[in-house]
């Protein structure tokens, strides 16, 4: 049996977990008081917790169903980078189940040394501690996965259909991804190019609409982060006469605080304050088409190692 480790960032299960969660994110260092208060406020506004665990579990279950339908003989596990169930818990489970080879899949389509690579670094540490014999086949990027792209195109079309006819032809698409510190450019990190590749596919699919790419969800730090920032871009477009936006968070695949607060609350408030309208696409989540496509990618990764 081959294991498949579905990895995600993790998030607090309740308000009381925000402090230890942020401590984990910050490498064991406590968050400044103002940052802790602000993050608690944001989670309170979206229901007091992150839904990322159940969303990731649904994705893993859908991936398992796709693998089973393809006769892959694989078993999915879940591991979170910064919360429970942690990556070391997943590796320990694989050890207990006798899994000796696994495919790693981060639920983030675009590679960066400051995002996807950090998952595999933590995974390597967990393997060294709990299961040194475990072999790993990595899926580093799936920016061009046909199922992922098809679901995004379908979600955009569905989002456009919700708009009144007078706005549908004038709405502007704003594709977003999580910002990272500008210092990634110093080592020619592929992240911006990976995002551009996905954006170009989506832009070309809707040639009659003005389309833009922007970054969102920069952390509360003093260092510069990649731009343009989504809110600033939309404010500038409003000043130029734009009326409505359909946000496409293409760097994310399920709902969590970066979607439910950063887009649905913070960005919407900024757009409405400028007299505009903001809508967001439905997230890909556990869409069967996307998960079937990712299942094929998982099988290809295992085949490249000679396991199947």
Protein backbone atom coordinates (compact mmCIF):
# COMPACT_ATOMS: atom_id res chain seq x y z
CA UNK A 1 0.00 0.00 0.00
CA UNK A 2 1.25 3.47 -0.94
CA UNK A 3 0.39 6.44 1.25
CA UNK A 4 -0.71 9.83 -0.01
CA UNK A 5 -0.14 12.70 2.39
CA UNK A 6 -2.51 15.62 1.78
CA UNK A 7 -0.93 18.67 3.43
CA UNK A 8 -2.43 22.04 4.36
CA UNK A 9 -1.45 25.02 6.49
CA UNK A 10 -3.72 24.40 9.47
CA UNK A 11 -5.71 26.80 11.59
CA UNK A 12 -7.08 27.21 15.12
CA UNK A 13 -10.07 25.12 16.14
CA UNK A 14 -11.30 27.79 18.59
CA UNK A 15 -10.42 31.32 19.68
CA UNK A 16 -8.36 29.97 22.58
CA UNK A 17 -6.10 28.22 20.05
CA UNK A 18 -5.14 31.41 18.22
CA UNK A 19 -2.23 32.22 20.54
CA UNK A 20 -0.50 28.79 20.36
CA UNK A 21 -1.27 28.58 16.66
CA UNK A 22 0.44 31.92 15.99
CA UNK A 23 3.35 30.85 18.18
CA UNK A 24 3.77 27.79 15.97
CA UNK A 25 3.56 29.89 12.79
CA UNK A 26 6.22 32.24 14.22
CA UNK A 27 8.66 29.43 15.00
CA UNK A 28 7.97 29.38 18.72
CA UNK A 29 8.08 33.14 19.21
CA UNK A 30 5.02 34.84 20.74
CA UNK A 31 3.02 37.18 18.53
CA UNK A 32 3.02 40.87 19.49
CA UNK A 33 -0.03 41.81 21.55
CA UNK A 34 -1.57 43.92 18.78
CA UNK A 35 -1.12 41.17 16.20
CA UNK A 36 -2.66 38.57 18.51
CA UNK A 37 -5.66 40.81 19.19
CA UNK A 38 -6.19 41.50 15.49
CA UNK A 39 -5.98 37.84 14.49
CA UNK A 40 -8.40 36.88 17.27
CA UNK A 41 -10.78 39.57 16.01
CA UNK A 42 -10.65 38.18 12.50
CA UNK A 43 -11.37 34.64 13.61
CA UNK A 44 -14.24 35.87 15.80
CA UNK A 45 -15.79 37.48 12.71
CA UNK A 46 -15.71 34.20 10.76
CA UNK A 47 -17.20 32.05 13.50
CA UNK A 48 -14.40 31.72 16.04
CA UNK A 49 -12.42 29.01 14.26
CA UNK A 50 -10.83 27.94 11.00
CA UNK A 51 -12.73 25.49 8.76
CA UNK A 52 -9.53 24.36 7.03
CA UNK A 53 -9.36 20.95 8.71
CA UNK A 54 -12.79 19.77 7.60
CA UNK A 55 -12.24 21.27 4.15
CA UNK A 56 -8.92 19.43 3.82
CA UNK A 57 -10.47 16.22 5.15
CA UNK A 58 -13.17 16.50 2.49
CA UNK A 59 -10.47 16.96 -0.16
CA UNK A 60 -8.56 13.92 1.11
CA UNK A 61 -11.76 11.85 1.07
CA UNK A 62 -12.53 12.96 -2.48
CA UNK A 63 -8.96 12.15 -3.52
CA UNK A 64 -9.31 8.72 -1.91
CA UNK A 65 -12.54 8.09 -3.82
CA UNK A 66 -10.83 9.10 -7.09
CA UNK A 67 -7.83 6.87 -6.39
CA UNK A 68 -10.12 3.96 -5.54
CA UNK A 69 -12.06 4.43 -8.76
CA UNK A 70 -8.77 4.33 -10.65
CA UNK A 71 -7.72 1.14 -8.85
CA UNK A 72 -4.65 2.83 -7.44
CA UNK A 73 -4.25 0.88 -4.19
CA UNK A 74 -3.33 3.98 -2.18
CA UNK A 75 -4.38 5.38 1.20
CA UNK A 76 -4.72 9.08 1.98
CA UNK A 77 -3.59 10.77 5.19
CA UNK A 78 -3.85 14.39 6.37
CA UNK A 79 -1.07 16.49 7.86
CA UNK A 80 -1.10 20.17 8.84
CA UNK A 81 2.00 22.34 8.82
CA UNK A 82 1.05 24.48 11.81
CA UNK A 83 -1.79 22.73 13.65
CA UNK A 84 -3.42 19.39 14.36
CA UNK A 85 -3.20 16.79 12.98
CA UNK A 86 0.43 17.73 12.48
CA UNK A 87 2.72 16.28 9.87
CA UNK A 88 4.52 14.15 12.45
CA UNK A 89 1.17 12.67 13.53
CA UNK A 90 0.46 11.68 9.93
CA UNK A 91 3.90 10.13 9.51
CA UNK A 92 3.50 8.21 12.76
CA UNK A 93 0.16 6.87 11.49
CA UNK A 94 1.78 5.73 8.26
CA UNK A 95 4.49 3.97 10.23
CA UNK A 96 1.86 2.18 12.32
CA UNK A 97 0.03 1.14 9.16
CA UNK A 98 3.16 -0.27 7.55
CA UNK A 99 3.33 2.35 4.80
CA UNK A 100 6.84 2.45 3.34
CA UNK A 101 6.35 4.84 0.42
CA UNK A 102 4.18 7.92 0.05
CA UNK A 103 3.30 10.71 -2.35
CA UNK A 104 3.22 14.22 -0.91
CA UNK A 105 0.60 16.70 -2.13
CA UNK A 106 0.34 20.22 -0.70
CA UNK A 107 -3.07 21.80 -1.23
CA UNK A 108 -1.45 24.89 -2.74
CA UNK A 109 -0.99 24.82 -6.51
CA UNK A 110 2.01 27.15 -6.82
CA UNK A 111 5.54 26.39 -5.63
CA UNK A 112 7.75 28.68 -3.58
CA UNK A 113 10.68 28.02 -1.31
CA UNK A 114 8.76 29.99 1.33
CA UNK A 115 5.56 27.98 1.01
CA UNK A 116 5.52 24.48 -0.49
CA UNK A 117 9.19 23.81 0.25
CA UNK A 118 8.63 24.48 3.96
CA UNK A 119 6.05 21.68 4.07
CA UNK A 120 8.59 19.21 2.75
CA UNK A 121 11.22 20.43 5.19
CA UNK A 122 8.86 19.77 8.10
CA UNK A 123 7.89 16.47 6.55
CA UNK A 124 11.55 15.44 6.35
CA UNK A 125 11.97 16.22 10.05
CA UNK A 126 8.88 14.18 10.90
CA UNK A 127 10.12 11.24 8.83
CA UNK A 128 13.53 11.32 10.51
CA UNK A 129 11.83 11.18 13.91
CA UNK A 130 9.01 8.72 13.30
CA UNK A 131 9.66 6.69 10.16
CA UNK A 132 13.19 6.99 8.69
CA UNK A 133 12.56 4.24 6.12
CA UNK A 134 9.65 6.13 4.51
CA UNK A 135 10.30 7.06 0.88
CA UNK A 136 8.70 10.21 -0.56
CA UNK A 137 7.61 11.22 -4.05
CA UNK A 138 7.00 14.96 -4.15
CA UNK A 139 4.42 16.89 -6.10
CA UNK A 140 5.86 20.40 -5.93
CA UNK A 141 3.50 22.29 -8.22
CA UNK A 142 0.18 21.76 -9.94
CA UNK A 143 -0.33 25.25 -11.35
CA UNK A 144 -1.21 23.80 -14.75
CA UNK A 145 -3.29 20.83 -13.61
CA UNK A 146 -6.15 20.50 -16.11
CA UNK A 147 -8.75 19.65 -13.49
CA UNK A 148 -7.79 22.60 -11.30
CA UNK A 149 -7.90 25.00 -14.25
CA UNK A 150 -11.19 23.61 -15.53
CA UNK A 151 -12.83 24.03 -12.12
CA UNK A 152 -11.59 27.62 -11.87
CA UNK A 153 -13.01 28.42 -15.30
CA UNK A 154 -16.32 26.86 -14.33
CA UNK A 155 -16.41 28.74 -11.04
CA UNK A 156 -15.74 32.02 -12.84
CA UNK A 157 -18.53 31.37 -15.32
CA UNK A 158 -20.88 30.53 -12.46
CA UNK A 159 -19.85 33.67 -10.58
CA UNK A 160 -20.51 35.82 -13.63
CA UNK A 161 -23.98 34.29 -14.01
CA UNK A 162 -24.91 35.54 -10.53
CA UNK A 163 -24.37 39.15 -11.52
CA UNK A 164 -27.19 41.27 -12.97
CA UNK A 165 -26.94 41.60 -16.77
CA UNK A 166 -25.96 45.26 -16.63
CA UNK A 167 -22.84 44.37 -14.60
CA UNK A 168 -21.96 41.05 -16.21
CA UNK A 169 -20.23 42.56 -19.25
CA UNK A 170 -18.45 45.25 -17.23
CA UNK A 171 -17.27 43.29 -14.21
CA UNK A 172 -13.51 42.96 -13.86
CA UNK A 173 -11.77 39.75 -12.80
CA UNK A 174 -9.23 40.04 -10.01
CA UNK A 175 -7.19 36.85 -9.59
CA UNK A 176 -5.37 36.69 -6.28
CA UNK A 177 -2.78 34.65 -4.43
CA UNK A 178 -1.11 34.87 -1.04
CA UNK A 179 1.62 37.49 -0.96
CA UNK A 180 5.14 36.58 0.15
CA UNK A 181 8.04 38.80 1.22
CA UNK A 182 9.77 40.56 -1.66
CA UNK A 183 13.07 38.95 -0.67
CA UNK A 184 12.02 35.77 -2.49
CA UNK A 185 12.90 37.64 -5.69
CA UNK A 186 16.56 37.74 -4.61
CA UNK A 187 16.88 34.00 -5.20
CA UNK A 188 14.75 33.89 -8.36
CA UNK A 189 11.95 32.06 -6.62
CA UNK A 190 9.53 30.63 -9.23
CA UNK A 191 6.39 31.70 -7.33
CA UNK A 192 5.57 34.85 -9.37
CA UNK A 193 6.07 33.01 -12.67
CA UNK A 194 3.94 30.08 -11.53
CA UNK A 195 1.13 32.47 -10.63
CA UNK A 196 1.47 34.30 -13.93
CA UNK A 197 1.11 31.00 -15.82
CA UNK A 198 -2.20 30.22 -14.12
CA UNK A 199 -3.44 33.79 -14.49
CA UNK A 200 -2.73 33.83 -18.22
CA UNK A 201 -4.83 30.69 -18.74
CA UNK A 202 -7.77 32.27 -16.90
CA UNK A 203 -7.36 35.63 -18.62
CA UNK A 204 -7.39 33.99 -22.04
CA UNK A 205 -10.54 32.05 -21.13
CA UNK A 206 -12.46 35.30 -20.59
CA UNK A 207 -11.02 37.66 -23.23
CA UNK A 208 -13.97 40.08 -23.15
CA UNK A 209 -13.36 41.01 -19.50
CA UNK A 210 -10.67 43.19 -17.98
CA UNK A 211 -8.54 40.85 -15.88
CA UNK A 212 -5.96 41.68 -13.23
CA UNK A 213 -3.62 39.81 -10.92
CA UNK A 214 -2.92 40.96 -7.37
CA UNK A 215 -1.58 39.65 -4.08
CA UNK A 216 -3.54 39.43 -0.83
CA UNK A 217 -3.09 38.47 2.82
CA UNK A 218 0.39 39.89 3.43
CA UNK A 219 1.47 39.29 7.00
CA UNK A 220 1.63 42.05 9.59
CA UNK A 221 5.38 42.65 9.41
CA UNK A 222 7.65 45.61 8.61
CA UNK A 223 9.33 44.07 5.56
CA UNK A 224 8.02 44.72 2.03
CA UNK A 225 5.71 42.12 0.50
CA UNK A 226 4.93 41.33 -3.12
CA UNK A 227 2.41 43.57 -4.88
CA UNK A 228 0.23 44.90 -6.28
CA UNK A 229 -1.99 44.48 -3.24
CA UNK A 230 -5.54 43.47 -4.17
CA UNK A 231 -7.35 46.18 -2.23
CA UNK A 232 -5.16 48.96 -3.59
CA UNK A 233 -5.58 47.64 -7.13
CA UNK A 234 -9.37 47.60 -6.87
CA UNK A 235 -9.46 51.07 -5.30
CA UNK A 236 -7.43 52.36 -8.23
CA UNK A 237 -9.77 50.66 -10.69
CA UNK A 238 -12.79 52.19 -8.95
CA UNK A 239 -11.21 55.61 -9.28
CA UNK A 240 -10.81 54.89 -13.00
CA UNK A 241 -14.51 54.07 -13.37
CA UNK A 242 -14.82 50.36 -12.59
CA UNK A 243 -18.05 49.28 -10.91
CA UNK A 244 -17.75 45.62 -9.94
CA UNK A 245 -15.18 42.88 -9.41
CA UNK A 246 -15.26 39.10 -9.34
CA UNK A 247 -12.42 37.92 -7.13
CA UNK A 248 -10.79 34.63 -8.13
CA UNK A 249 -8.52 33.46 -5.27
CA UNK A 250 -6.59 31.17 -7.59
CA UNK A 251 -3.76 30.62 -5.09
CA UNK A 252 -6.15 28.94 -2.63
CA UNK A 253 -8.40 25.92 -3.00
CA UNK A 254 -10.69 26.04 0.04
CA UNK A 255 -12.21 28.42 2.57
CA UNK A 256 -10.15 29.65 5.52
CA UNK A 257 -9.36 33.00 7.11
CA UNK A 258 -7.60 34.35 4.01
CA UNK A 259 -10.85 33.85 2.11
CA UNK A 260 -13.60 34.29 4.69
CA UNK A 261 -12.07 37.39 6.28
CA UNK A 262 -9.45 38.83 3.91
CA UNK A 263 -11.69 38.64 0.82
CA UNK A 264 -15.27 38.32 2.03
CA UNK A 265 -15.01 40.98 4.74
CA UNK A 266 -11.93 43.21 4.40
CA UNK A 267 -11.69 43.49 0.62
CA UNK A 268 -15.47 43.74 0.23
CA UNK A 269 -15.60 46.60 2.72
CA UNK A 270 -12.88 48.50 0.84
CA UNK A 271 -14.63 48.05 -2.50
CA UNK A 272 -18.05 49.00 -1.16
CA UNK A 273 -16.56 52.08 0.53
CA UNK A 274 -15.47 53.15 -2.95
CA UNK A 275 -18.95 52.64 -4.36
CA UNK A 276 -18.27 49.30 -6.05
CA UNK A 277 -19.46 45.72 -5.77
CA UNK A 278 -17.34 42.67 -4.97
CA UNK A 279 -18.28 39.04 -5.57
CA UNK A 280 -16.12 35.96 -5.10
CA UNK A 281 -16.07 32.65 -6.90
CA UNK A 282 -16.97 29.47 -5.07
CA UNK A 283 -13.76 27.77 -3.98
CA UNK A 284 -12.71 24.53 -5.75
CA UNK A 285 -12.83 22.58 -2.48
CA UNK A 286 -13.31 18.87 -3.06
CA UNK A 287 -14.68 19.17 -6.59
CA UNK A 288 -14.62 15.63 -8.07
CA UNK A 289 -13.19 16.81 -11.41
CA UNK A 290 -10.22 18.47 -9.76
CA UNK A 291 -9.62 15.61 -7.35
CA UNK A 292 -9.76 13.02 -10.14
CA UNK A 293 -7.14 15.04 -12.02
CA UNK A 294 -4.96 15.27 -8.92
CA UNK A 295 -5.37 11.53 -8.37
CA UNK A 296 -3.87 10.94 -11.81
CA UNK A 297 -1.00 13.24 -10.88
CA UNK A 298 -0.45 11.27 -7.65
CA UNK A 299 -0.36 8.02 -9.60
CA UNK A 300 2.13 9.50 -12.06
CA UNK A 301 4.40 10.58 -9.18
CA UNK A 302 4.33 7.05 -7.75
CA UNK A 303 4.97 5.55 -11.18
CA UNK A 304 8.00 7.81 -11.69
CA UNK A 305 9.50 6.21 -8.56
CA UNK A 306 8.79 2.73 -9.90
CA UNK A 307 6.31 1.94 -7.13
CA UNK A 308 3.43 1.08 -9.46
